[in-house]
Protein backbone atom coordinates (compact mmCIF):
# COMPACT_ATOMS: atom_id res chain seq x y z
CA MET A 1 27.01 128.77 129.65
CA GLY A 2 29.31 130.26 126.97
CA VAL A 3 32.63 128.62 126.04
CA GLY A 4 35.27 128.86 123.35
CA ARG A 5 34.74 132.54 122.61
CA SER A 6 36.77 134.00 119.75
CA ASN A 7 37.80 137.65 119.52
CA ASN A 8 36.69 138.11 115.91
CA GLY A 9 34.67 134.97 115.24
CA LEU A 10 34.09 132.80 112.21
CA GLY A 11 31.39 132.95 109.55
CA LEU A 12 28.67 130.35 110.16
CA ARG A 13 29.04 128.78 106.72
CA GLN A 14 32.80 128.56 107.18
CA LEU A 15 32.20 126.97 110.57
CA LEU A 16 29.88 124.40 108.98
CA VAL A 17 32.50 123.55 106.35
CA ALA A 18 35.01 122.93 109.14
CA ILE A 19 32.55 120.79 111.14
CA GLY A 20 31.47 118.87 108.05
CA LEU A 21 28.49 116.76 107.15
CA PRO A 22 26.58 114.76 108.25
CA LEU A 23 26.54 116.42 111.67
CA VAL A 24 24.50 119.55 110.96
CA GLU A 25 22.46 121.21 108.21
CA LEU A 26 21.73 124.91 107.75
CA ARG A 27 17.94 125.42 107.53
CA THR A 28 17.86 129.22 107.06
CA GLU A 29 19.43 129.54 103.63
CA HIS A 30 20.45 133.19 103.49
CA ALA A 31 21.95 133.46 106.97
CA ASP A 32 25.73 133.66 107.45
CA PRO A 33 26.33 135.44 110.77
CA LEU A 34 29.66 135.71 112.54
CA VAL A 35 29.95 133.12 115.33
CA ARG A 36 32.14 134.11 118.30
CA GLY A 37 31.42 131.29 120.72
CA VAL A 38 29.22 128.35 121.63
CA ALA A 39 26.72 127.95 124.48
CA ILE A 40 24.23 125.35 125.71
CA LEU A 41 20.61 126.25 126.53
CA ASP A 42 18.27 123.90 128.34
CA PRO A 43 14.61 125.09 127.97
CA ASP A 44 14.16 124.57 131.73
CA ASP A 45 16.99 127.01 132.50
CA GLU A 46 16.81 130.80 132.61
CA PRO A 47 18.34 132.12 129.34
CA GLY A 48 21.52 134.14 129.67
CA GLY A 49 23.32 136.47 127.27
CA TYR A 50 24.38 134.84 123.99
CA ALA A 51 25.81 137.74 121.96
CA GLY A 52 27.39 136.31 118.79
CA GLU A 53 27.19 132.71 120.00
CA LEU A 54 25.94 129.46 118.50
CA VAL A 55 23.39 128.21 121.03
CA LEU A 56 22.84 124.44 121.28
CA ILE A 57 19.25 123.90 122.43
CA ILE A 58 19.08 120.61 124.29
CA GLY A 59 16.02 118.88 125.68
CA ALA A 60 13.63 120.21 123.03
CA ARG A 61 13.08 118.93 119.48
CA GLY A 62 11.17 120.22 116.50
CA ARG A 63 8.24 122.55 117.29
CA GLU A 64 8.98 122.27 121.04
CA ALA A 65 12.11 124.38 120.53
CA ALA A 66 10.21 127.46 119.30
CA ARG A 67 10.26 129.25 122.67
CA PRO A 68 14.01 128.78 123.39
CA VAL A 69 14.81 129.72 119.78
CA ARG A 70 13.02 133.05 120.24
CA ALA A 71 14.65 133.54 123.67
CA ALA A 72 18.15 132.90 122.31
CA ALA A 73 17.50 135.30 119.41
CA ARG A 74 16.35 138.07 121.78
CA ARG A 75 19.58 137.68 123.74
CA GLY A 76 21.81 138.15 120.71
CA ALA A 77 22.50 134.57 119.52
CA ALA A 78 24.07 134.37 116.06
CA ALA A 79 22.62 130.89 115.44
CA VAL A 80 20.76 128.11 117.20
CA ALA A 81 21.06 124.35 116.79
CA VAL A 82 18.08 122.02 117.31
CA LYS A 83 17.50 118.34 116.68
CA GLU A 84 14.71 117.46 114.21
CA ALA A 85 14.31 121.10 113.14
CA THR A 86 11.16 121.52 111.03
CA ASP A 87 10.26 123.95 108.26
CA GLU A 88 7.94 125.69 110.72
CA LEU A 89 10.83 126.18 113.15
CA ALA A 90 12.99 127.53 110.31
CA GLY A 91 10.30 130.14 109.65
CA ILE A 92 10.26 131.10 113.33
CA ALA A 93 14.05 131.45 113.31
CA ASP A 94 13.89 133.65 110.20
CA GLU A 95 11.30 135.89 111.84
CA SER A 96 13.44 136.12 114.98
CA GLY A 97 16.57 137.05 113.01
CA VAL A 98 18.64 134.02 113.96
CA ALA A 99 20.18 131.25 111.82
CA LEU A 100 18.89 127.71 112.43
CA LEU A 101 20.91 124.51 112.28
CA SER A 102 19.30 121.08 112.23
CA VAL A 103 21.41 118.51 114.10
CA ALA A 104 21.39 114.81 113.15
CA ALA A 105 19.60 112.70 115.75
CA PRO A 106 22.54 110.41 116.72
CA VAL A 107 24.89 113.32 117.43
CA ARG A 108 25.80 113.85 121.08
CA TRP A 109 25.48 117.47 122.24
CA ASP A 110 28.66 117.36 124.32
CA GLN A 111 30.72 116.19 121.34
CA LEU A 112 29.18 118.81 119.03
CA GLU A 113 30.04 121.48 121.59
CA ILE A 114 33.64 120.23 121.69
CA VAL A 115 34.12 120.27 117.92
CA VAL A 116 32.59 123.76 117.53
CA ARG A 117 34.80 125.06 120.33
CA GLN A 118 37.91 123.50 118.75
CA VAL A 119 37.14 125.03 115.34
CA LEU A 120 36.56 128.48 116.87
CA ASP A 121 39.72 128.22 118.96
CA SER A 122 41.72 127.27 115.86
CA ALA A 123 40.29 130.27 114.02
CA THR A 124 41.29 132.55 116.90
CA LEU A 125 44.85 131.22 116.80
CA ALA A 126 45.02 131.66 113.03
CA GLU A 127 44.04 135.35 113.35
CA GLY A 128 47.33 136.00 115.14
CA PHE A 129 49.17 133.40 113.07
CA SER A 130 50.22 131.58 116.22
CA ASP A 131 48.62 128.32 115.16
CA GLU A 132 50.86 125.29 115.62
CA PRO A 133 50.89 122.17 113.46
CA GLY A 134 49.34 120.31 116.40
CA ASP A 135 45.72 121.33 115.69
CA LEU A 136 44.04 117.96 115.24
CA PHE A 137 41.51 119.01 112.59
CA SER A 138 44.15 120.64 110.37
CA LEU A 139 46.41 117.64 110.98
CA ALA A 140 43.63 115.25 109.93
CA GLN A 141 43.04 117.30 106.77
CA THR A 142 46.75 117.31 105.92
CA LEU A 143 46.98 113.54 106.45
CA ALA A 144 43.99 113.03 104.17
CA LEU A 145 45.82 114.94 101.45
CA LEU A 146 49.05 112.98 101.92
CA THR A 147 47.49 109.52 102.22
CA GLY A 148 44.67 109.88 99.70
CA GLY A 149 42.09 108.65 102.22
CA SER A 150 39.61 109.86 104.85
CA VAL A 151 41.23 110.39 108.25
CA SER A 152 39.90 110.25 111.80
CA ILE A 153 41.84 110.67 115.05
CA GLU A 154 40.62 108.91 118.19
CA ASP A 155 41.68 108.92 121.82
CA ALA A 156 42.52 105.81 123.85
CA GLY A 157 38.83 105.25 124.54
CA ASN A 158 38.03 105.13 120.80
CA ARG A 159 36.28 108.51 120.94
CA VAL A 160 36.64 110.58 117.77
CA LEU A 161 38.66 113.76 118.43
CA ALA A 162 38.95 115.07 114.87
CA TYR A 163 38.37 114.00 111.30
CA SER A 164 39.10 115.19 107.77
CA ARG A 165 36.53 116.70 105.45
CA SER A 166 36.23 114.77 102.22
CA ASP A 167 34.09 114.61 99.11
CA ASP A 168 35.23 111.00 98.68
CA GLU A 169 33.03 107.98 99.39
CA VAL A 170 32.81 106.99 103.06
CA ASP A 171 31.63 103.64 104.33
CA GLU A 172 28.98 102.99 106.96
CA LEU A 173 31.58 102.58 109.71
CA ARG A 174 33.04 106.06 109.16
CA ARG A 175 29.58 107.63 108.94
CA LEU A 176 28.47 106.03 112.22
CA SER A 177 31.77 106.87 113.93
CA ILE A 178 31.49 110.57 113.07
CA LEU A 179 27.79 110.73 113.95
CA GLY A 180 28.27 108.99 117.28
CA TRP A 181 31.80 110.29 117.92
CA GLN A 182 32.79 106.71 118.68
CA GLY A 183 33.32 103.51 116.72
CA PRO A 184 30.29 101.18 116.74
CA GLU A 185 30.73 98.53 119.43
CA SER A 186 30.11 95.67 117.00
CA TYR A 187 33.04 96.75 114.84
CA LEU A 188 35.24 97.45 117.86
CA ALA A 189 34.58 93.89 118.98
CA LEU A 190 35.74 92.59 115.58
CA LEU A 191 38.93 94.66 115.80
CA ARG A 192 39.63 93.17 119.23
CA GLU A 193 38.97 89.70 117.87
CA TRP A 194 41.37 90.28 114.94
CA GLY A 195 44.10 91.49 117.31
CA VAL A 196 44.19 94.98 115.77
CA PHE A 197 44.03 96.86 119.07
CA GLU A 198 46.76 94.71 120.57
CA ARG A 199 49.09 95.58 117.67
CA LEU A 200 48.20 99.27 117.82
CA ARG A 201 48.95 99.42 121.55
CA SER A 202 52.12 97.34 121.51
CA GLY A 203 54.35 99.38 119.19
CA GLU A 204 54.81 101.98 116.50
CA GLU A 205 53.69 100.13 113.38
CA VAL A 206 51.11 100.86 110.69
CA VAL A 207 48.41 98.19 110.76
CA ARG A 208 46.50 97.27 107.60
CA ILE A 209 42.86 96.23 107.96
CA GLU A 210 41.54 94.52 104.85
CA PRO A 211 38.14 95.47 103.41
CA HIS A 212 35.01 93.56 104.42
CA PRO A 213 32.35 94.27 101.76
CA GLU A 214 29.87 92.04 103.56
CA LEU A 215 30.06 94.44 106.51
CA GLY A 216 30.15 97.59 104.36
CA ILE A 217 33.73 98.30 105.49
CA ARG A 218 36.50 99.56 103.19
CA ARG A 219 40.24 99.03 103.52
CA ARG A 220 41.91 100.95 106.35
CA LEU A 221 45.32 101.88 107.71
CA ALA A 222 45.81 102.59 111.39
CA VAL A 223 48.66 103.54 113.69
CA GLY A 224 48.80 104.03 117.43
CA ILE A 225 49.46 107.45 118.97
CA ARG A 226 52.15 106.86 121.56
CA ALA A 227 54.25 108.72 124.12
CA GLY A 228 56.97 106.34 125.20
CA THR A 229 55.16 103.22 126.38
CA HIS A 230 51.83 105.04 126.84
CA HIS A 231 49.04 104.56 124.28
CA LEU A 232 47.21 107.85 123.71
CA GLY A 233 44.94 106.99 120.79
CA THR A 234 44.80 105.95 117.13
CA VAL A 235 44.89 107.56 113.69
CA TRP A 236 42.66 105.78 111.14
CA VAL A 237 42.58 106.25 107.36
CA GLN A 238 39.76 104.84 105.22
CA GLU A 239 40.45 104.16 101.55
CA GLY A 240 38.19 106.02 99.10
CA ARG A 241 37.58 105.60 95.39
CA GLU A 242 41.33 105.59 94.70
CA ARG A 243 44.00 103.45 96.33
CA PHE A 244 46.13 104.89 99.11
CA ALA A 245 49.03 107.14 98.09
CA GLU A 246 52.40 105.47 97.68
CA ARG A 247 53.83 106.94 100.88
CA ALA A 248 50.63 106.81 102.91
CA GLU A 249 52.12 104.68 105.69
CA SER A 250 55.09 107.01 106.16
CA ALA A 251 52.81 110.06 106.33
CA LEU A 252 50.53 108.27 108.78
CA LEU A 253 53.45 107.51 111.09
CA GLY A 254 54.54 111.14 111.06
CA GLY A 255 50.97 112.28 111.71
CA ALA A 256 50.67 109.99 114.73
CA ARG A 257 53.80 111.51 116.25
CA LEU A 258 52.41 115.02 115.79
CA ALA A 259 49.07 113.94 117.27
CA ALA A 260 50.94 112.70 120.34
CA VAL A 261 52.51 116.15 120.76
CA HIS A 262 49.09 117.78 120.55
CA LEU A 263 47.49 115.44 123.08
CA LEU A 264 50.37 115.79 125.53
CA ARG A 265 50.27 119.57 125.20
CA GLN A 266 46.57 119.53 126.09
CA ARG A 267 47.46 117.68 129.30
CA SER A 268 49.99 120.37 130.25
CA GLU A 269 48.35 123.76 129.77
CA HIS A 270 51.10 125.61 131.60
CA GLY A 271 54.03 124.32 129.54
CA ARG A 272 55.68 126.41 126.83
CA SER A 273 54.42 125.67 123.34
CA ARG A 274 56.48 123.31 121.22
CA GLU A 275 56.93 125.85 118.45
CA GLU A 276 58.10 128.47 120.94
CA LEU A 277 60.72 126.04 122.24
CA VAL A 278 61.89 125.17 118.73
CA ASN A 279 62.19 128.85 117.79
CA GLY A 280 64.14 129.49 120.98
CA LEU A 281 66.54 126.70 120.08
CA LEU A 282 67.03 128.06 116.53
CA THR A 283 67.60 131.65 117.62
CA GLY A 284 69.60 130.90 120.75
CA HIS A 285 67.00 132.53 123.01
CA ALA A 286 66.28 129.27 124.85
CA SER A 287 68.70 127.00 126.66
CA PRO A 288 69.33 123.77 124.66
CA ASP A 289 69.22 121.81 127.92
CA LEU A 290 65.82 123.35 128.77
CA VAL A 291 64.44 122.60 125.30
CA ALA A 292 65.78 119.04 125.40
CA GLY A 293 64.23 118.49 128.82
CA GLN A 294 60.83 119.87 127.77
CA LEU A 295 60.74 117.82 124.55
CA GLY A 296 62.26 114.61 125.88
CA LEU A 297 65.51 114.76 123.88
CA ASP A 298 69.14 114.08 124.72
CA PRO A 299 70.93 117.48 124.59
CA ALA A 300 74.07 115.67 123.36
CA THR A 301 72.36 114.22 120.29
CA PRO A 302 73.71 115.27 116.85
CA ALA A 303 71.29 117.24 114.67
CA VAL A 304 70.74 118.73 111.22
CA VAL A 305 68.65 121.80 110.35
CA VAL A 306 66.69 122.07 107.08
CA ALA A 307 65.27 125.43 106.01
CA PHE A 308 62.27 125.76 103.64
CA THR A 309 61.11 128.90 101.86
CA ALA A 310 58.90 130.04 98.99
CA ARG A 311 61.14 131.43 96.25
CA GLU A 312 58.71 134.12 95.10
CA PRO A 313 56.05 134.53 97.81
CA THR A 314 52.81 136.25 96.86
CA ALA A 315 52.38 139.91 97.76
CA ASP A 316 48.93 139.11 99.21
CA GLU A 317 49.61 138.89 102.95
CA PRO A 318 46.67 136.59 103.90
CA VAL A 319 47.57 134.17 101.09
CA ARG A 320 51.24 134.32 102.07
CA GLU A 321 50.36 133.45 105.67
CA LEU A 322 48.15 130.60 104.47
CA HIS A 323 51.05 129.21 102.40
CA LEU A 324 53.36 129.49 105.41
CA ALA A 325 50.84 127.67 107.62
CA GLU A 326 50.50 124.88 105.03
CA MET A 327 54.27 124.65 104.75
CA LEU A 328 54.58 124.40 108.54
CA THR A 329 52.05 121.56 108.75
CA MET A 330 53.37 119.64 105.73
CA VAL A 331 56.98 119.86 106.87
CA SER A 332 55.95 118.75 110.36
CA VAL A 333 54.20 115.62 109.08
CA HIS A 334 56.95 114.60 106.65
CA MET A 335 59.84 115.26 109.02
CA ALA A 336 58.14 113.45 111.90
CA SER A 337 57.75 110.40 109.66
CA TYR A 338 61.40 110.63 108.60
CA ARG A 339 62.93 111.13 112.05
CA LYS A 340 61.31 110.49 115.42
CA GLY A 341 61.69 113.55 117.60
CA ALA A 342 61.81 115.98 114.65
CA LEU A 343 61.20 119.59 115.70
CA VAL A 344 59.60 122.13 113.36
CA GLY A 345 59.15 125.88 113.74
CA ALA A 346 58.84 129.06 111.69
CA ASP A 347 60.89 132.23 111.78
CA GLY A 348 59.84 135.01 109.44
CA ALA A 349 58.98 133.56 106.01
CA ARG A 350 60.98 130.37 106.53
CA VAL A 351 60.11 127.03 108.11
CA TYR A 352 62.86 125.09 109.88
CA ALA A 353 63.09 121.40 110.73
CA VAL A 354 65.56 120.26 113.41
CA LEU A 355 66.30 116.56 112.95
CA PRO A 356 67.93 114.93 115.97
CA ASP A 357 70.37 112.07 115.47
CA ALA A 358 70.60 112.74 111.72
CA ARG A 359 74.25 112.23 110.74
CA GLN A 360 73.91 111.25 107.07
CA LEU A 361 72.36 113.57 104.48
CA SER A 362 71.92 111.07 101.64
CA GLY A 363 68.45 109.79 102.60
CA LEU A 364 67.47 113.21 103.92
CA VAL A 365 67.97 114.87 100.52
CA ALA A 366 65.41 112.54 98.91
CA GLU A 367 62.92 113.15 101.73
CA VAL A 368 63.35 116.93 101.60
CA THR A 369 63.02 116.91 97.80
CA ASP A 370 59.67 115.12 98.15
CA VAL A 371 58.49 117.70 100.68
CA ALA A 372 59.50 120.61 98.43
CA GLU A 373 57.71 119.07 95.44
CA VAL A 374 54.52 118.38 97.43
CA LEU A 375 54.50 121.94 98.78
CA THR A 376 55.11 123.42 95.32
CA ARG A 377 52.14 121.47 93.91
CA ARG A 378 49.97 122.30 96.89
CA THR A 379 50.63 126.06 97.09
CA GLY A 380 51.44 126.81 93.45
CA VAL A 381 54.57 128.62 94.65
CA ARG A 382 58.11 127.30 94.08
CA VAL A 383 59.39 125.94 97.41
CA GLN A 384 63.12 125.41 97.97
CA ALA A 385 65.06 123.86 100.83
CA GLY A 386 68.59 124.33 102.16
CA LEU A 387 70.34 121.71 104.30
CA GLY A 388 72.78 122.69 107.02
CA SER A 389 75.63 120.39 108.02
CA ALA A 390 75.26 117.96 110.91
CA VAL A 391 76.32 119.40 114.28
CA ALA A 392 77.51 117.44 117.30
CA ALA A 393 74.80 118.48 119.77
CA LEU A 394 71.63 120.55 120.15
CA ARG A 395 73.66 123.47 121.53
CA ASP A 396 75.20 123.84 118.04
CA VAL A 397 71.87 123.92 116.15
CA ARG A 398 72.23 127.65 115.43
CA ALA A 399 75.33 126.92 113.33
CA SER A 400 73.44 124.36 111.22
CA ARG A 401 70.52 126.79 110.86
CA ALA A 402 72.88 129.60 109.75
CA GLU A 403 74.41 127.31 107.13
CA ALA A 404 70.97 126.24 105.86
CA ASP A 405 70.08 129.94 105.50
CA ARG A 406 73.31 130.62 103.59
CA VAL A 407 72.51 127.80 101.19
CA LEU A 408 68.99 129.14 100.56
CA ASP A 409 70.35 132.64 100.00
CA ALA A 410 72.83 131.33 97.41
CA MET A 411 70.43 129.04 95.52
CA GLY A 412 69.37 129.95 92.04
CA ALA A 413 66.08 129.12 90.36
CA ALA A 414 67.31 125.82 88.94
CA ARG A 415 67.59 123.92 92.23
CA SER A 416 64.92 122.74 94.65
CA VAL A 417 67.21 121.31 97.35
CA ALA A 418 70.89 121.86 98.08
CA SER A 419 73.50 121.57 100.82
CA ILE A 420 76.69 123.50 101.45
CA ALA A 421 78.62 120.83 99.53
CA ASP A 422 76.57 121.66 96.42
CA LEU A 423 76.98 125.44 96.66
CA ARG A 424 80.17 126.10 98.59
CA ALA A 425 81.60 128.44 95.92
CA GLU A 426 78.30 130.34 95.57
CA VAL A 427 77.96 130.69 99.35
CA LEU A 428 81.55 131.91 99.71
CA LEU A 429 81.12 134.42 96.88
CA GLY A 430 77.80 135.65 98.26
CA GLU A 431 79.22 136.25 101.72
CA THR A 432 82.32 137.94 100.29
CA LEU A 433 80.16 140.33 98.27
CA ALA A 434 77.99 141.01 101.34
CA LEU A 435 81.13 141.86 103.32
CA LEU A 436 82.33 144.13 100.52
CA GLU A 437 78.95 145.86 100.31
CA ALA A 438 78.95 146.49 104.06
CA ASN A 439 82.41 148.11 103.90
CA PRO A 440 82.35 150.85 101.21
CA ASP A 441 85.69 152.16 102.45
CA LEU A 442 87.26 149.09 100.81
CA HIS A 443 85.90 149.97 97.36
CA ASP A 444 88.48 150.97 94.73
CA PRO A 445 87.86 154.44 93.23
CA ALA A 446 89.21 153.10 89.94
CA VAL A 447 86.24 150.73 89.63
CA ALA A 448 83.88 153.56 90.56
CA ALA A 449 85.42 155.68 87.79
CA LEU A 450 84.87 152.88 85.26
CA LEU A 451 81.21 152.49 86.26
CA ALA A 452 80.70 156.26 86.04
CA HIS A 453 82.29 156.40 82.58
CA ASP A 454 79.92 153.73 81.20
CA ALA A 455 76.91 155.50 82.73
CA GLU A 456 77.93 158.88 81.29
CA HIS A 457 79.03 157.80 77.79
CA GLY A 458 76.86 154.72 77.18
CA SER A 459 80.01 152.63 76.60
CA GLU A 460 80.35 148.87 77.18
CA LEU A 461 83.61 148.76 79.12
CA VAL A 462 82.20 147.19 82.32
CA PRO A 463 80.34 144.23 80.68
CA THR A 464 83.36 143.58 78.43
CA LEU A 465 85.78 143.59 81.36
CA LEU A 466 83.50 141.41 83.45
CA ALA A 467 83.12 138.89 80.62
CA TRP A 468 86.91 138.87 80.13
CA LEU A 469 87.50 138.25 83.86
CA ASP A 470 84.90 135.45 83.88
CA ALA A 471 86.58 133.87 80.83
CA MET A 472 90.03 134.06 82.47
CA GLY A 473 91.34 136.30 79.69
CA ASP A 474 90.12 134.28 76.68
CA VAL A 475 89.46 137.12 74.20
CA ARG A 476 87.92 134.96 71.48
CA SER A 477 85.29 133.41 73.80
CA VAL A 478 84.44 136.89 75.11
CA ALA A 479 84.06 138.21 71.54
CA ALA A 480 81.76 135.29 70.66
CA ALA A 481 79.64 135.85 73.77
CA LEU A 482 79.32 139.61 73.11
CA HIS A 483 78.92 139.19 69.32
CA VAL A 484 81.82 141.53 68.54
CA HIS A 485 85.23 141.17 66.85
CA PRO A 486 88.17 140.10 69.08
CA ASN A 487 89.92 143.36 68.19
CA THR A 488 86.94 145.25 69.62
CA VAL A 489 87.41 143.36 72.91
CA ARG A 490 91.12 144.22 72.96
CA HIS A 491 90.39 147.89 72.24
CA ARG A 492 87.86 148.08 75.08
CA LEU A 493 90.29 146.45 77.52
CA ARG A 494 92.90 149.09 76.64
CA ARG A 495 90.26 151.78 77.24
CA VAL A 496 89.60 150.23 80.68
CA GLY A 497 93.20 150.94 81.66
CA THR A 498 93.10 154.46 80.22
CA VAL A 499 89.80 155.44 81.89
CA SER A 500 90.32 153.82 85.32
CA GLY A 501 94.02 153.17 85.72
CA ILE A 502 93.30 149.52 86.71
CA ASP A 503 96.36 147.31 86.14
CA LEU A 504 94.89 144.14 84.55
CA GLY A 505 98.32 142.52 84.68
CA ASP A 506 98.24 142.40 88.49
CA PRO A 507 96.34 139.23 89.66
CA ARG A 508 95.34 140.77 93.01
CA GLU A 509 94.04 143.90 91.31
CA ARG A 510 92.10 141.74 88.84
CA LEU A 511 90.53 139.81 91.74
CA SER A 512 89.59 143.00 93.59
CA CYS A 513 88.13 144.51 90.42
CA HIS A 514 86.22 141.32 89.61
CA LEU A 515 84.57 141.22 93.04
CA GLN A 516 83.53 144.87 92.89
CA LEU A 517 82.07 144.50 89.42
CA LEU A 518 80.10 141.43 90.53
CA LEU A 519 78.77 143.43 93.48
CA ALA A 520 77.77 146.26 91.14
CA VAL A 521 75.88 143.82 88.90
CA THR A 522 74.10 141.99 91.75
CA THR A 523 73.05 145.23 93.46
CA GLY A 524 72.02 146.92 90.21
CA VAL A 525 74.58 149.72 90.51
CA THR A 526 75.24 151.49 87.19
CA THR A 527 76.90 154.60 88.51
CA THR A 528 78.51 155.60 91.76
CA THR A 529 80.25 158.52 93.37
CA VAL A 530 83.91 158.70 92.48
CA ARG A 531 86.05 159.24 95.53
CA GLY A 532 89.60 160.47 95.15
């Protein structure tokens, strides 16, 4: 039977990287076919069609699998997986034109099928860039980066659902857990004896498990995955060669909250996706009461919106989408650890976090600064964040989002994080210039004449006037800035009046002229049509 089919598929070697060792090993070295699905073949069954699929051959090991390997190859299989695959079987696979994977003996076929299907499904979602930060494998990988350890995510029955890939040292417990997709019973008994499970199931706290070298067990952190009073599973992090990151516990808490969202979404296949609901809230296309009901929030709760963006995104579209996906996942983990119930979505090239019940911005600024710095290091692209003001209820989230966007639009290169209080003058000026640009009928022909004169004669009247307006009429400071004599500045200002007719003695006319010159500079206008 075929399951988990992908429209375009995933390269076999890329699939193996995602699955990770020590589950499988590629025995046909030069093969890298595209895998579009996964199927199970029992040698006693009649083979079906396996076009582009990875076929898991159960019930036959080593040389016994030769016949089903050939049968799967004839029916279009991209690759086959066999336990105890021999060199002879690898030769048969090569002759048949199919890639061969050798599967470790302790691995359960049903769990291998699940992980392959999840990886292929995630790849399918990524093709349309509709992937949410709830994918457990990408979440585990992100948590490994943030905690500095090796992560595994288990359900309430201690079955491994996902794990991070790592080149770091892993202890015997982690190796056995991944191979068997379940923690060894002897260790689970010790955890029960130490009261670890009781603590994980009783509340939202990060539990530290000290190392036990005599048992081959390294230090661990763990936190329960919860939905209200219901225990859904556990996130575990094993310490590697280096100690845990400074904020590992905070990241782990945020990751557990996101894992809960993913597990609950799996239980409700017909519900709207979380990201879709968040985007609807931000754009006003979804009722705040509906969103609050779907996500278990109080619609009357105050909220703050934070907007993240890459200052100079790469022109390479696939890389840009990868950066956006990383930003979405990172922001989700950090914001969930900062505020329970945090909502994260993307709109265009920006990622937005809606933080319920966040009234004070002081602690939030430090948290957002950390996120921006981590993302900048991770992607190699400068990431900035704008904070909107707190609004009284979820129905007003659009206003906080609009303000966060205004702040980002007004930020220069020097800042990483800012709020409206930091940039009120810049925001006001930016919006005034945008209004002026959108209404050319308000433009003064005198300013247009001045711009045209400079363009035609190569004169410096516009930069001199602009510098004089910025300096509030201080001729000497303008002369120093332009490296000319003060008399030269005075002569140019007289020429401004002669050429354009602008009355620099009128404060309102000076203000109007100043705004139009700033607009000309910001839009790159050097000449314009003079209207009478």
